[in-house]
Amino acid sequence: MNTEQTKRPIAHFVGSIPLPDAETVFRTLSGAVGTHVARLPDGETGIRKMWIKFLQDVLADHPAIEVAGDVPPFKFTQWDGVVVRE
């Protein structure tokens, strides 16, 4: 990288972009930031939009992985001790 390039502000996008598909993500972001970005994510669109559910489904379908039904779910507690979710 030459000195002129290192002085340019660089935008950095990570992960999900709330647009309908990868092509729209690429066109929209490149139009907005142009030369101020070195790379773009595809926006995690489609089935990866809800990425944690996507991964849960991928792992659940894997033949070498099984769900341990006897393990309780995570318990999330606020700072004041109130259980937010079990």
PDB file of N, CA and C in Angstrom:
ATOM      1  N   MET A   1       0.834  -1.174   0.000  1.00  0.00           N
ATOM      2  CA  MET A   1       0.000   0.000   0.000  1.00  0.00           C
ATOM      3  C   MET A   1       0.885   1.246   0.000  1.00  0.00           C
ATOM      4  N   ASN A   2       0.591   2.187  -0.867  1.00  0.00           N
ATOM      5  CA  ASN A   2       1.405   3.398  -0.867  1.00  0.00           C
ATOM      6  C   ASN A   2       0.911   4.383   0.187  1.00  0.00           C
ATOM      7  N   THR A   3       1.690   5.436   0.435  1.00  0.00           N
ATOM      8  CA  THR A   3       1.373   6.396   1.486  1.00  0.00           C
ATOM      9  C   THR A   3       0.052   7.102   1.239  1.00  0.00           C
ATOM     10  N   GLU A   4      -0.243   7.421  -0.004  1.00  0.00           N
ATOM     11  CA  GLU A   4      -1.499   8.100  -0.323  1.00  0.00           C
ATOM     12  C   GLU A   4      -2.703   7.239   0.063  1.00  0.00           C
ATOM     13  N   GLN A   5      -2.629   5.947  -0.171  1.00  0.00           N
ATOM     14  CA  GLN A   5      -3.729   5.055   0.179  1.00  0.00           C
ATOM     15  C   GLN A   5      -3.903   4.925   1.686  1.00  0.00           C
ATOM     16  N   THR A   6      -2.824   4.936   2.434  1.00  0.00           N
ATOM     17  CA  THR A   6      -2.936   4.776   3.880  1.00  0.00           C
ATOM     18  C   THR A   6      -3.532   6.002   4.543  1.00  0.00           C
ATOM     19  N   LYS A   7      -3.532   7.156   3.884  1.00  0.00           N
ATOM     20  CA  LYS A   7      -4.107   8.373   4.446  1.00  0.00           C
ATOM     21  C   LYS A   7      -5.615   8.459   4.215  1.00  0.00           C
ATOM     22  N   ARG A   8      -6.141   7.648   3.297  1.00  0.00           N
ATOM     23  CA  ARG A   8      -7.577   7.678   3.017  1.00  0.00           C
ATOM     24  C   ARG A   8      -8.357   7.130   4.201  1.00  0.00           C
ATOM     25  N   PRO A   9      -9.508   7.738   4.505  1.00  0.00           N
ATOM     26  CA  PRO A   9     -10.356   7.110   5.526  1.00  0.00           C
ATOM     27  C   PRO A   9     -10.905   5.797   4.972  1.00  0.00           C
ATOM     28  N   ILE A  10     -10.967   4.800   5.801  1.00  0.00           N
ATOM     29  CA  ILE A  10     -11.440   3.492   5.370  1.00  0.00           C
ATOM     30  C   ILE A  10     -12.692   3.131   6.178  1.00  0.00           C
ATOM     31  N   ALA A  11     -13.746   2.779   5.486  1.00  0.00           N
ATOM     32  CA  ALA A  11     -14.955   2.272   6.138  1.00  0.00           C
ATOM     33  C   ALA A  11     -14.793   0.768   6.310  1.00  0.00           C
ATOM     34  N   HIS A  12     -15.381   0.239   7.364  1.00  0.00           N
ATOM     35  CA  HIS A  12     -15.268  -1.195   7.630  1.00  0.00           C
ATOM     36  C   HIS A  12     -16.653  -1.732   7.992  1.00  0.00           C
ATOM     37  N   PHE A  13     -17.187  -2.602   7.172  1.00  0.00           N
ATOM     38  CA  PHE A  13     -18.492  -3.201   7.421  1.00  0.00           C
ATOM     39  C   PHE A  13     -18.295  -4.646   7.850  1.00  0.00           C
ATOM     40  N   VAL A  14     -19.088  -5.067   8.826  1.00  0.00           N
ATOM     41  CA  VAL A  14     -19.004  -6.437   9.307  1.00  0.00           C
ATOM     42  C   VAL A  14     -20.419  -7.005   9.412  1.00  0.00           C
ATOM     43  N   GLY A  15     -20.607  -8.187   8.856  1.00  0.00           N
ATOM     44  CA  GLY A  15     -21.841  -8.921   9.090  1.00  0.00           C
ATOM     45  C   GLY A  15     -23.068  -8.470   8.335  1.00  0.00           C
ATOM     46  N   SER A  16     -24.204  -8.511   9.019  1.00  0.00           N
ATOM     47  CA  SER A  16     -25.508  -8.315   8.397  1.00  0.00           C
ATOM     48  C   SER A  16     -25.741  -6.888   7.927  1.00  0.00           C
ATOM     49  N   ILE A  17     -26.342  -6.787   6.757  1.00  0.00           N
ATOM     50  CA  ILE A  17     -26.758  -5.509   6.184  1.00  0.00           C
ATOM     51  C   ILE A  17     -28.236  -5.692   5.848  1.00  0.00           C
ATOM     52  N   PRO A  18     -29.134  -4.827   6.341  1.00  0.00           N
ATOM     53  CA  PRO A  18     -30.569  -5.050   6.141  1.00  0.00           C
ATOM     54  C   PRO A  18     -31.056  -4.713   4.731  1.00  0.00           C
ATOM     55  N   LEU A  19     -30.572  -5.444   3.762  1.00  0.00           N
ATOM     56  CA  LEU A  19     -30.991  -5.296   2.370  1.00  0.00           C
ATOM     57  C   LEU A  19     -31.389  -6.679   1.856  1.00  0.00           C
ATOM     58  N   PRO A  20     -32.181  -6.738   0.773  1.00  0.00           N
ATOM     59  CA  PRO A  20     -32.772  -8.018   0.363  1.00  0.00           C
ATOM     60  C   PRO A  20     -31.825  -9.091  -0.171  1.00  0.00           C
ATOM     61  N   ASP A  21     -30.708  -8.700  -0.799  1.00  0.00           N
ATOM     62  CA  ASP A  21     -29.820  -9.709  -1.383  1.00  0.00           C
ATOM     63  C   ASP A  21     -28.405  -9.160  -1.504  1.00  0.00           C
ATOM     64  N   ALA A  22     -27.455 -10.057  -1.801  1.00  0.00           N
ATOM     65  CA  ALA A  22     -26.037  -9.687  -1.859  1.00  0.00           C
ATOM     66  C   ALA A  22     -25.763  -8.640  -2.927  1.00  0.00           C
ATOM     67  N   GLU A  23     -26.386  -8.756  -4.087  1.00  0.00           N
ATOM     68  CA  GLU A  23     -26.142  -7.775  -5.147  1.00  0.00           C
ATOM     69  C   GLU A  23     -26.551  -6.378  -4.700  1.00  0.00           C
ATOM     70  N   THR A  24     -27.694  -6.262  -4.043  1.00  0.00           N
ATOM     71  CA  THR A  24     -28.149  -4.962  -3.543  1.00  0.00           C
ATOM     72  C   THR A  24     -27.190  -4.427  -2.489  1.00  0.00           C
ATOM     73  N   VAL A  25     -26.694  -5.301  -1.630  1.00  0.00           N
ATOM     74  CA  VAL A  25     -25.715  -4.896  -0.614  1.00  0.00           C
ATOM     75  C   VAL A  25     -24.469  -4.331  -1.286  1.00  0.00           C
ATOM     76  N   PHE A  26     -23.902  -5.074  -2.244  1.00  0.00           N
ATOM     77  CA  PHE A  26     -22.678  -4.624  -2.916  1.00  0.00           C
ATOM     78  C   PHE A  26     -22.896  -3.302  -3.643  1.00  0.00           C
ATOM     79  N   ARG A  27     -23.981  -3.180  -4.377  1.00  0.00           N
ATOM     80  CA  ARG A  27     -24.245  -1.946  -5.138  1.00  0.00           C
ATOM     81  C   ARG A  27     -24.487  -0.757  -4.206  1.00  0.00           C
ATOM     82  N   THR A  28     -25.262  -0.965  -3.162  1.00  0.00           N
ATOM     83  CA  THR A  28     -25.588   0.125  -2.235  1.00  0.00           C
ATOM     84  C   THR A  28     -24.359   0.602  -1.468  1.00  0.00           C
ATOM     85  N   LEU A  29     -23.625  -0.332  -0.879  1.00  0.00           N
ATOM     86  CA  LEU A  29     -22.462   0.063  -0.084  1.00  0.00           C
ATOM     87  C   LEU A  29     -21.345   0.639  -0.943  1.00  0.00           C
ATOM     88  N   SER A  30     -21.081   0.030  -2.090  1.00  0.00           N
ATOM     89  CA  SER A  30     -20.007   0.565  -2.937  1.00  0.00           C
ATOM     90  C   SER A  30     -20.383   1.940  -3.466  1.00  0.00           C
ATOM     91  N   GLY A  31     -21.665   2.170  -3.736  1.00  0.00           N
ATOM     92  CA  GLY A  31     -22.103   3.494  -4.168  1.00  0.00           C
ATOM     93  C   GLY A  31     -21.992   4.530  -3.063  1.00  0.00           C
ATOM     94  N   ALA A  32     -22.191   4.104  -1.828  1.00  0.00           N
ATOM     95  CA  ALA A  32     -22.149   5.029  -0.691  1.00  0.00           C
ATOM     96  C   ALA A  32     -20.733   5.351  -0.232  1.00  0.00           C
ATOM     97  N   VAL A  33     -19.843   4.363  -0.241  1.00  0.00           N
ATOM     98  CA  VAL A  33     -18.504   4.584   0.312  1.00  0.00           C
ATOM     99  C   VAL A  33     -17.396   4.568  -0.725  1.00  0.00           C
ATOM    100  N   GLY A  34     -17.705   4.080  -1.922  1.00  0.00           N
ATOM    101  CA  GLY A  34     -16.750   4.120  -3.029  1.00  0.00           C
ATOM    102  C   GLY A  34     -15.365   3.623  -2.689  1.00  0.00           C
ATOM    103  N   THR A  35     -14.391   4.489  -2.861  1.00  0.00           N
ATOM    104  CA  THR A  35     -12.988   4.110  -2.661  1.00  0.00           C
ATOM    105  C   THR A  35     -12.563   4.071  -1.194  1.00  0.00           C
ATOM    106  N   HIS A  36     -13.485   4.344  -0.294  1.00  0.00           N
ATOM    107  CA  HIS A  36     -13.138   4.370   1.130  1.00  0.00           C
ATOM    108  C   HIS A  36     -13.324   3.022   1.818  1.00  0.00           C
ATOM    109  N   VAL A  37     -13.443   1.984   1.017  1.00  0.00           N
ATOM    110  CA  VAL A  37     -13.616   0.654   1.589  1.00  0.00           C
ATOM    111  C   VAL A  37     -12.740  -0.335   0.824  1.00  0.00           C
ATOM    112  N   ALA A  38     -12.109  -1.222   1.555  1.00  0.00           N
ATOM    113  CA  ALA A  38     -11.236  -2.212   0.923  1.00  0.00           C
ATOM    114  C   ALA A  38     -11.989  -3.495   0.589  1.00  0.00           C
ATOM    115  N   ARG A  39     -13.017  -3.820   1.366  1.00  0.00           N
ATOM    116  CA  ARG A  39     -13.802  -5.038   1.126  1.00  0.00           C
ATOM    117  C   ARG A  39     -15.199  -4.843   1.697  1.00  0.00           C
ATOM    118  N   LEU A  40     -16.126  -5.645   1.198  1.00  0.00           N
ATOM    119  CA  LEU A  40     -17.515  -5.571   1.642  1.00  0.00           C
ATOM    120  C   LEU A  40     -18.020  -6.965   2.007  1.00  0.00           C
ATOM    121  N   PRO A  41     -18.847  -7.068   3.053  1.00  0.00           N
ATOM    122  CA  PRO A  41     -19.495  -8.346   3.326  1.00  0.00           C
ATOM    123  C   PRO A  41     -20.665  -8.512   2.362  1.00  0.00           C
ATOM    124  N   ASP A  42     -21.148  -9.716   2.202  1.00  0.00           N
ATOM    125  CA  ASP A  42     -22.300  -9.921   1.318  1.00  0.00           C
ATOM    126  C   ASP A  42     -23.613  -9.578   2.007  1.00  0.00           C
ATOM    127  N   GLY A  43     -23.562  -9.188   3.254  1.00  0.00           N
ATOM    128  CA  GLY A  43     -24.743  -8.748   3.979  1.00  0.00           C
ATOM    129  C   GLY A  43     -25.461  -9.820   4.766  1.00  0.00           C
ATOM    130  N   GLU A  44     -24.988 -11.068   4.672  1.00  0.00           N
ATOM    131  CA  GLU A  44     -25.629 -12.182   5.374  1.00  0.00           C
ATOM    132  C   GLU A  44     -27.134 -12.176   5.120  1.00  0.00           C
ATOM    133  N   THR A  45     -27.501 -12.185   3.847  1.00  0.00           N
ATOM    134  CA  THR A  45     -28.903 -12.148   3.460  1.00  0.00           C
ATOM    135  C   THR A  45     -29.453 -13.566   3.310  1.00  0.00           C
ATOM    136  N   GLY A  46     -30.707 -13.669   2.950  1.00  0.00           N
ATOM    137  CA  GLY A  46     -31.317 -14.981   2.727  1.00  0.00           C
ATOM    138  C   GLY A  46     -31.405 -15.790   4.004  1.00  0.00           C
ATOM    139  N   ILE A  47     -31.065 -17.082   3.912  1.00  0.00           N
ATOM    140  CA  ILE A  47     -31.205 -17.953   5.084  1.00  0.00           C
ATOM    141  C   ILE A  47     -30.243 -17.587   6.207  1.00  0.00           C
ATOM    142  N   ARG A  48     -29.203 -16.798   5.895  1.00  0.00           N
ATOM    143  CA  ARG A  48     -28.254 -16.399   6.944  1.00  0.00           C
ATOM    144  C   ARG A  48     -28.670 -15.117   7.648  1.00  0.00           C
ATOM    145  N   LYS A  49     -29.812 -14.542   7.274  1.00  0.00           N
ATOM    146  CA  LYS A  49     -30.271 -13.294   7.889  1.00  0.00           C
ATOM    147  C   LYS A  49     -30.385 -13.450   9.405  1.00  0.00           C
ATOM    148  N   MET A  50     -30.933 -14.553   9.825  1.00  0.00           N
ATOM    149  CA  MET A  50     -31.019 -14.857  11.256  1.00  0.00           C
ATOM    150  C   MET A  50     -29.903 -15.852  11.554  1.00  0.00           C
ATOM    151  N   TRP A  51     -28.658 -15.372  11.574  1.00  0.00           N
ATOM    152  CA  TRP A  51     -27.480 -16.230  11.539  1.00  0.00           C
ATOM    153  C   TRP A  51     -27.428 -17.260  12.649  1.00  0.00           C
ATOM    154  N   ILE A  52     -27.887 -16.935  13.825  1.00  0.00           N
ATOM    155  CA  ILE A  52     -27.775 -17.908  14.910  1.00  0.00           C
ATOM    156  C   ILE A  52     -28.737 -19.071  14.677  1.00  0.00           C
ATOM    157  N   LYS A  53     -29.916 -18.783  14.155  1.00  0.00           N
ATOM    158  CA  LYS A  53     -30.870 -19.846  13.815  1.00  0.00           C
ATOM    159  C   LYS A  53     -30.323 -20.678  12.657  1.00  0.00           C
ATOM    160  N   PHE A  54     -29.702 -20.010  11.693  1.00  0.00           N
ATOM    161  CA  PHE A  54     -29.080 -20.712  10.568  1.00  0.00           C
ATOM    162  C   PHE A  54     -28.048 -21.716  11.089  1.00  0.00           C
ATOM    163  N   LEU A  55     -27.193 -21.276  12.005  1.00  0.00           N
ATOM    164  CA  LEU A  55     -26.169 -22.174  12.555  1.00  0.00           C
ATOM    165  C   LEU A  55     -26.786 -23.294  13.380  1.00  0.00           C
ATOM    166  N   GLN A  56     -27.834 -22.982  14.123  1.00  0.00           N
ATOM    167  CA  GLN A  56     -28.514 -24.010  14.908  1.00  0.00           C
ATOM    168  C   GLN A  56     -29.039 -25.107  13.983  1.00  0.00           C
ATOM    169  N   ASP A  57     -29.646 -24.710  12.867  1.00  0.00           N
ATOM    170  CA  ASP A  57     -30.167 -25.690  11.908  1.00  0.00           C
ATOM    171  C   ASP A  57     -29.049 -26.505  11.262  1.00  0.00           C
ATOM    172  N   VAL A  58     -27.946 -25.843  10.907  1.00  0.00           N
ATOM    173  CA  VAL A  58     -26.809 -26.547  10.301  1.00  0.00           C
ATOM    174  C   VAL A  58     -26.261 -27.594  11.269  1.00  0.00           C
ATOM    175  N   LEU A  59     -26.074 -27.195  12.517  1.00  0.00           N
ATOM    176  CA  LEU A  59     -25.537 -28.126  13.511  1.00  0.00           C
ATOM    177  C   LEU A  59     -26.527 -29.248  13.827  1.00  0.00           C
ATOM    178  N   ALA A  60     -27.812 -28.925  13.903  1.00  0.00           N
ATOM    179  CA  ALA A  60     -28.823 -29.944  14.203  1.00  0.00           C
ATOM    180  C   ALA A  60     -28.899 -31.003  13.107  1.00  0.00           C
ATOM    181  N   ASP A  61     -28.611 -30.610  11.871  1.00  0.00           N
ATOM    182  CA  ASP A  61     -28.655 -31.549  10.748  1.00  0.00           C
ATOM    183  C   ASP A  61     -27.374 -32.368  10.584  1.00  0.00           C
ATOM    184  N   HIS A  62     -26.332 -32.033  11.342  1.00  0.00           N
ATOM    185  CA  HIS A  62     -25.059 -32.740  11.200  1.00  0.00           C
ATOM    186  C   HIS A  62     -25.156 -34.109  11.882  1.00  0.00           C
ATOM    187  N   PRO A  63     -24.776 -35.179  11.185  1.00  0.00           N
ATOM    188  CA  PRO A  63     -24.924 -36.523  11.749  1.00  0.00           C
ATOM    189  C   PRO A  63     -24.047 -36.807  12.971  1.00  0.00           C
ATOM    190  N   ALA A  64     -22.984 -36.058  13.166  1.00  0.00           N
ATOM    191  CA  ALA A  64     -22.086 -36.310  14.294  1.00  0.00           C
ATOM    192  C   ALA A  64     -22.438 -35.472  15.524  1.00  0.00           C
ATOM    193  N   ILE A  65     -23.537 -34.712  15.449  1.00  0.00           N
ATOM    194  CA  ILE A  65     -23.920 -33.839  16.563  1.00  0.00           C
ATOM    195  C   ILE A  65     -25.336 -34.195  16.996  1.00  0.00           C
ATOM    196  N   GLU A  66     -25.539 -34.266  18.310  1.00  0.00           N
ATOM    197  CA  GLU A  66     -26.894 -34.481  18.813  1.00  0.00           C
ATOM    198  C   GLU A  66     -27.184 -33.477  19.923  1.00  0.00           C
ATOM    199  N   VAL A  67     -28.445 -33.116  20.043  1.00  0.00           N
ATOM    200  CA  VAL A  67     -28.865 -32.154  21.060  1.00  0.00           C
ATOM    201  C   VAL A  67     -28.984 -32.884  22.391  1.00  0.00           C
ATOM    202  N   ALA A  68     -28.397 -32.302  23.431  1.00  0.00           N
ATOM    203  CA  ALA A  68     -28.490 -32.867  24.774  1.00  0.00           C
ATOM    204  C   ALA A  68     -29.769 -32.329  25.413  1.00  0.00           C
ATOM    205  N   GLY A  69     -30.826 -33.119  25.387  1.00  0.00           N
ATOM    206  CA  GLY A  69     -32.126 -32.678  25.886  1.00  0.00           C
ATOM    207  C   GLY A  69     -32.199 -32.488  27.386  1.00  0.00           C
ATOM    208  N   ASP A  70     -31.257 -33.044  28.137  1.00  0.00           N
ATOM    209  CA  ASP A  70     -31.290 -32.941  29.594  1.00  0.00           C
ATOM    210  C   ASP A  70     -30.543 -31.721  30.131  1.00  0.00           C
ATOM    211  N   VAL A  71     -29.982 -30.912  29.252  1.00  0.00           N
ATOM    212  CA  VAL A  71     -29.245 -29.722  29.677  1.00  0.00           C
ATOM    213  C   VAL A  71     -30.200 -28.531  29.664  1.00  0.00           C
ATOM    214  N   PRO A  72     -30.355 -27.837  30.812  1.00  0.00           N
ATOM    215  CA  PRO A  72     -31.270 -26.696  30.843  1.00  0.00           C
ATOM    216  C   PRO A  72     -30.746 -25.545  29.970  1.00  0.00           C
ATOM    217  N   PRO A  73     -31.659 -24.712  29.469  1.00  0.00           N
ATOM    218  CA  PRO A  73     -31.225 -23.574  28.649  1.00  0.00           C
ATOM    219  C   PRO A  73     -30.501 -22.534  29.499  1.00  0.00           C
ATOM    220  N   PHE A  74     -29.829 -21.625  28.826  1.00  0.00           N
ATOM    221  CA  PHE A  74     -29.151 -20.542  29.538  1.00  0.00           C
ATOM    222  C   PHE A  74     -30.168 -19.696  30.291  1.00  0.00           C
ATOM    223  N   LYS A  75     -29.774 -19.226  31.434  1.00  0.00           N
ATOM    224  CA  LYS A  75     -30.629 -18.357  32.232  1.00  0.00           C
ATOM    225  C   LYS A  75     -29.978 -16.974  32.223  1.00  0.00           C
ATOM    226  N   PHE A  76     -30.709 -15.984  31.762  1.00  0.00           N
ATOM    227  CA  PHE A  76     -30.178 -14.627  31.688  1.00  0.00           C
ATOM    228  C   PHE A  76     -30.782 -13.793  32.802  1.00  0.00           C
ATOM    229  N   THR A  77     -29.912 -13.226  33.631  1.00  0.00           N
ATOM    230  CA  THR A  77     -30.345 -12.446  34.778  1.00  0.00           C
ATOM    231  C   THR A  77     -29.823 -11.020  34.657  1.00  0.00           C
ATOM    232  N   GLN A  78     -30.719 -10.061  34.900  1.00  0.00           N
ATOM    233  CA  GLN A  78     -30.318  -8.650  34.881  1.00  0.00           C
ATOM    234  C   GLN A  78     -29.452  -8.338  36.092  1.00  0.00           C
ATOM    235  N   TRP A  79     -28.882  -7.148  36.095  1.00  0.00           N
ATOM    236  CA  TRP A  79     -28.031  -6.683  37.183  1.00  0.00           C
ATOM    237  C   TRP A  79     -28.755  -6.682  38.520  1.00  0.00           C
ATOM    238  N   ASP A  80     -30.097  -6.501  38.506  1.00  0.00           N
ATOM    239  CA  ASP A  80     -30.863  -6.439  39.753  1.00  0.00           C
ATOM    240  C   ASP A  80     -31.398  -7.804  40.197  1.00  0.00           C
ATOM    241  N   GLY A  81     -30.994  -8.869  39.507  1.00  0.00           N
ATOM    242  CA  GLY A  81     -31.396 -10.213  39.885  1.00  0.00           C
ATOM    243  C   GLY A  81     -32.643 -10.738  39.206  1.00  0.00           C
ATOM    244  N   VAL A  82     -33.344  -9.894  38.453  1.00  0.00           N
ATOM    245  CA  VAL A  82     -34.547 -10.334  37.750  1.00  0.00           C
ATOM    246  C   VAL A  82     -34.149 -11.231  36.579  1.00  0.00           C
ATOM    247  N   VAL A  83     -34.797 -12.399  36.491  1.00  0.00           N
ATOM    248  CA  VAL A  83     -34.528 -13.314  35.387  1.00  0.00           C
ATOM    249  C   VAL A  83     -35.218 -12.773  34.136  1.00  0.00           C
ATOM    250  N   VAL A  84     -34.423 -12.513  33.101  1.00  0.00           N
ATOM    251  CA  VAL A  84     -34.947 -11.979  31.849  1.00  0.00           C
ATOM    252  C   VAL A  84     -35.481 -13.107  30.986  1.00  0.00           C
ATOM    253  N   ARG A  85     -34.741 -14.202  30.950  1.00  0.00           N
ATOM    254  CA  ARG A  85     -35.143 -15.330  30.118  1.00  0.00           C
ATOM    255  C   ARG A  85     -34.510 -16.600  30.645  1.00  0.00           C
ATOM    256  N   GLU A  86     -35.254 -17.657  30.576  1.00  0.00           N
ATOM    257  CA  GLU A  86     -34.713 -18.972  30.929  1.00  0.00           C
ATOM    258  C   GLU A  86     -34.749 -19.836  29.708  1.00  0.00           C
TER     259      GLU A  86
END
